[in-house]
Protein backbone atom coordinates (compact mmCIF):
# COMPACT_ATOMS: atom_id res chain seq x y z
CA MET A 1 -88.74 -45.23 25.50
CA THR A 2 -87.53 -42.96 27.71
CA TYR A 3 -89.16 -41.47 31.11
CA ILE A 4 -90.00 -38.42 29.26
CA ARG A 5 -92.29 -37.71 26.23
CA THR A 6 -90.06 -36.41 23.33
CA ASP A 7 -91.29 -37.28 20.39
CA ILE A 8 -87.58 -37.40 19.07
CA PRO A 9 -86.51 -40.80 17.46
CA GLN A 10 -83.04 -40.56 18.23
CA PRO A 11 -80.88 -42.51 20.92
CA GLY A 12 -79.14 -41.49 23.70
CA ILE A 13 -78.54 -37.98 24.17
CA VAL A 14 -79.32 -37.03 20.71
CA GLU A 15 -83.03 -37.28 21.56
CA LEU A 16 -82.68 -35.35 24.79
CA LEU A 17 -80.53 -32.69 23.49
CA PHE A 18 -83.09 -31.77 20.44
CA TYR A 19 -85.94 -32.48 22.85
CA LYS A 20 -85.02 -28.89 24.40
CA GLY A 21 -83.36 -26.73 22.00
CA SER A 22 -81.81 -23.76 24.67
CA THR A 23 -79.94 -26.51 26.46
CA GLY A 24 -79.40 -28.58 23.95
CA LYS A 25 -77.35 -25.79 22.52
CA ALA A 26 -75.43 -24.91 25.46
CA LEU A 27 -74.59 -29.13 26.11
CA SER A 28 -73.70 -29.47 22.86
CA LYS A 29 -71.38 -26.59 22.53
CA LEU A 30 -69.68 -27.36 26.09
CA ALA A 31 -68.74 -31.00 24.82
CA HIS A 32 -67.61 -29.64 21.34
CA SER A 33 -65.31 -26.97 23.08
CA LEU A 34 -64.24 -30.27 25.48
CA LEU A 35 -63.16 -32.57 23.06
CA HIS A 36 -62.49 -30.44 19.78
CA GLY A 37 -61.45 -27.12 21.12
CA PRO A 38 -58.47 -25.95 21.95
CA SER A 39 -56.07 -28.11 24.21
CA GLN A 40 -52.62 -29.34 24.43
CA LEU A 41 -54.19 -32.75 24.85
CA THR A 42 -55.26 -34.30 21.56
CA SER A 43 -58.97 -34.88 20.63
CA GLY A 44 -58.39 -38.42 20.50
CA GLU A 45 -57.32 -38.44 24.24
CA ARG A 46 -59.74 -36.45 25.31
CA GLU A 47 -62.24 -38.68 24.00
CA LEU A 48 -60.59 -41.84 25.66
CA ILE A 49 -61.19 -39.95 28.30
CA ALA A 50 -64.60 -39.10 27.88
CA SER A 51 -64.98 -43.16 27.07
CA TYR A 52 -63.52 -44.16 30.54
CA VAL A 53 -65.56 -42.20 32.76
CA SER A 54 -68.57 -43.21 30.79
CA GLY A 55 -67.30 -46.28 31.34
CA LEU A 56 -67.07 -46.27 35.39
CA ASN A 57 -70.49 -44.89 35.46
CA HIS A 58 -72.10 -47.50 33.01
CA CYS A 59 -73.29 -45.41 30.55
CA GLU A 60 -73.56 -47.60 27.62
CA PHE A 61 -74.46 -45.14 25.23
CA CYS A 62 -71.78 -42.65 26.33
CA HIS A 63 -69.29 -44.89 26.90
CA GLU A 64 -69.95 -47.23 23.33
CA SER A 65 -70.15 -43.57 21.19
CA HIS A 66 -67.14 -41.98 22.74
CA SER A 67 -65.15 -45.21 22.70
CA ALA A 68 -65.89 -45.39 18.72
CA SER A 69 -65.06 -41.70 18.29
CA ALA A 70 -61.65 -42.48 20.23
CA SER A 71 -60.95 -45.27 18.09
CA VAL A 72 -61.06 -43.16 14.99
CA HIS A 73 -59.11 -40.42 16.48
CA LEU A 74 -56.39 -42.64 18.16
CA ASN A 75 -56.51 -44.89 14.71
CA ASP A 76 -55.62 -48.09 16.82
CA GLN A 77 -59.23 -50.27 15.82
CA GLY A 78 -60.01 -49.81 19.63
CA ALA A 79 -56.84 -51.04 21.30
CA ALA A 80 -56.55 -48.20 23.82
CA VAL A 81 -60.25 -48.60 24.28
CA SER A 82 -59.99 -52.19 25.32
CA ALA A 83 -57.17 -52.21 27.20
CA LEU A 84 -58.71 -49.33 29.50
CA LYS A 85 -61.49 -52.17 30.66
CA LEU A 86 -59.28 -54.34 31.69
CA LYS A 87 -56.32 -52.01 33.77
CA VAL A 88 -55.21 -48.53 33.24
CA VAL A 89 -51.57 -49.49 33.44
CA ASP A 90 -51.42 -51.65 31.10
CA ALA A 91 -53.21 -49.55 27.86
CA PRO A 92 -51.13 -48.46 25.03
CA VAL A 93 -51.05 -45.09 25.99
CA SER A 94 -48.64 -42.57 27.44
CA ASP A 95 -47.02 -42.57 31.29
CA LYS A 96 -49.07 -39.07 30.74
CA MET A 97 -52.33 -40.08 29.80
CA LYS A 98 -51.95 -43.12 32.21
CA ALA A 99 -51.88 -40.50 35.55
CA LEU A 100 -54.25 -38.77 34.17
CA LEU A 101 -56.73 -41.24 33.15
CA GLN A 102 -56.52 -41.99 37.18
CA ILE A 103 -57.26 -38.39 37.51
CA ALA A 104 -60.15 -38.79 35.65
CA ALA A 105 -61.12 -42.17 37.75
CA LYS A 106 -61.10 -40.12 40.86
CA VAL A 107 -62.96 -37.26 39.78
CA GLN A 108 -65.82 -39.85 38.72
CA ILE A 109 -66.14 -40.90 42.53
CA SER A 110 -65.59 -37.28 43.89
CA GLY A 111 -63.83 -34.36 43.12
CA LYS A 112 -62.53 -34.34 47.00
CA GLU A 113 -61.00 -38.20 45.78
CA VAL A 114 -57.93 -36.12 43.68
CA LYS A 115 -55.16 -35.35 45.80
CA SER A 116 -51.92 -33.47 45.76
CA GLU A 117 -49.88 -37.04 44.59
CA HIS A 118 -52.13 -37.81 41.97
CA ILE A 119 -51.53 -34.56 40.67
CA GLU A 120 -47.63 -34.38 41.13
CA GLU A 121 -47.81 -37.71 39.71
CA ALA A 122 -49.62 -36.32 36.33
CA ARG A 123 -46.67 -34.03 36.73
CA ASN A 124 -44.19 -35.98 36.85
CA ALA A 125 -45.44 -37.97 33.95
CA GLY A 126 -45.34 -34.77 31.66
CA ALA A 127 -48.63 -33.33 31.87
CA SER A 128 -49.12 -29.59 31.97
CA ASP A 129 -51.57 -27.58 34.36
CA GLU A 130 -53.70 -27.33 31.09
CA ASP A 131 -53.54 -30.83 30.54
CA ILE A 132 -54.95 -32.00 34.07
CA HIS A 133 -57.14 -28.92 34.23
CA ASP A 134 -59.08 -30.07 30.85
CA THR A 135 -59.07 -33.81 32.26
CA VAL A 136 -60.72 -32.87 35.26
CA LEU A 137 -63.41 -30.82 33.32
CA ILE A 138 -63.83 -33.20 30.95
CA ALA A 139 -64.39 -36.26 33.46
CA ALA A 140 -66.96 -33.95 35.65
CA ALA A 141 -68.57 -33.29 32.60
CA PHE A 142 -68.97 -36.47 31.61
CA CYS A 143 -70.48 -37.76 34.94
CA MET A 144 -73.22 -35.04 34.43
CA TYR A 145 -73.87 -35.88 30.42
CA ASN A 146 -73.86 -39.91 31.91
CA ARG A 147 -76.41 -38.68 34.46
CA TYR A 148 -78.52 -37.11 32.15
CA VAL A 149 -78.48 -39.75 29.73
CA ASP A 150 -79.54 -42.45 32.15
CA GLY A 151 -81.58 -40.25 34.51
CA LEU A 152 -83.97 -39.73 31.94
CA GLY A 153 -83.96 -43.73 30.32
CA THR A 154 -82.75 -42.60 26.94
CA ASN A 155 -82.74 -45.44 24.50
CA LEU A 156 -79.65 -47.48 22.68
CA PRO A 157 -78.86 -47.67 19.05
CA ASP A 158 -81.11 -50.45 17.31
CA SER A 159 -77.82 -52.21 16.92
CA PRO A 160 -74.46 -52.01 18.54
CA ASP A 161 -73.06 -51.71 15.12
CA ASP A 162 -74.59 -48.18 14.64
CA TYR A 163 -71.58 -46.91 17.26
CA ALA A 164 -69.01 -47.12 14.41
CA GLY A 165 -70.91 -44.53 12.39
CA MET A 166 -71.61 -42.25 15.55
CA GLY A 167 -68.24 -42.51 16.40
CA LEU A 168 -67.03 -41.44 12.78
CA ARG A 169 -69.23 -38.81 12.59
CA MET A 170 -68.33 -37.22 16.10
CA ALA A 171 -64.55 -37.37 15.24
CA LYS A 172 -64.77 -35.74 11.84
CA VAL A 173 -67.62 -33.01 12.55
CA GLY A 174 -67.65 -32.92 16.37
CA TYR A 175 -70.59 -31.95 18.37
CA LYS A 176 -72.25 -29.04 16.90
CA TYR A 177 -75.66 -27.79 16.71
CA PRO A 178 -77.76 -26.67 14.16
CA PRO A 179 -78.80 -23.12 14.36
CA LEU A 180 -81.99 -23.08 16.73
CA PHE A 181 -84.21 -21.79 13.88
CA LEU A 182 -83.36 -25.09 11.86
CA ARG A 183 -84.23 -27.27 15.30
CA LYS A 184 -87.82 -27.99 14.33
CA TRP A 185 -86.92 -28.61 10.66
CA VAL A 186 -84.17 -31.27 11.62
CA ILE A 187 -86.53 -32.81 14.29
CA ARG A 188 -88.92 -33.30 10.90
CA ARG A 189 -85.99 -34.94 9.03
CA MET A 190 -85.28 -37.07 11.71
CA ARG A 191 -89.30 -38.54 12.04
CA LYS A 192 -89.76 -38.73 8.07
CA ALA A 193 -86.12 -41.35 8.58
CA ASN A 194 -87.59 -42.68 11.06
CA ARG A 195 -91.00 -43.54 9.68
CA LYS A 196 -88.68 -44.84 6.31
CA GLU A 197 -86.61 -47.61 8.65
CA SER A 198 -90.05 -48.53 10.32
CA ILE A 199 -91.42 -49.69 6.89
């Protein structure tokens, strides 16, 4: 149960997005733009950054759901995500991605932790200015998303197996929010589905 009463029977950030439509739509649009919008980084690489930062922040819901999405995009059965949990340098990703993930890790601590040498290392590994920009923005945004999810004490899914389905939906559909006039209808459907599962 979240720290606030939402009456939205969904785990993690989904509950909060539908609790308040105006912010929910804005946050969904930002996530969709960051992870599915135009970028020189693939959606899989961007999901990997989101997963990695969420793991550093110990945000279980965001880490597991974005890990599942990254695994779908990368089609690697979770190899990259699993390796990142141990050591970035050993992960089966490009040298460019290793350098960008190091930048993301610095952003997770503080933006001021990113130094010119980290940027130069990423450039030397083949990262463009846009790659570096997108990495910093994704890392910063996911610190916000992680704190939003955990700061309000959202629920985890009923089973860890549920993350696989979430990851598949996130990879295929993205983070689009329904039109605000349909929000109440979607919430009613969520509640109805939850009641059926409880029987």
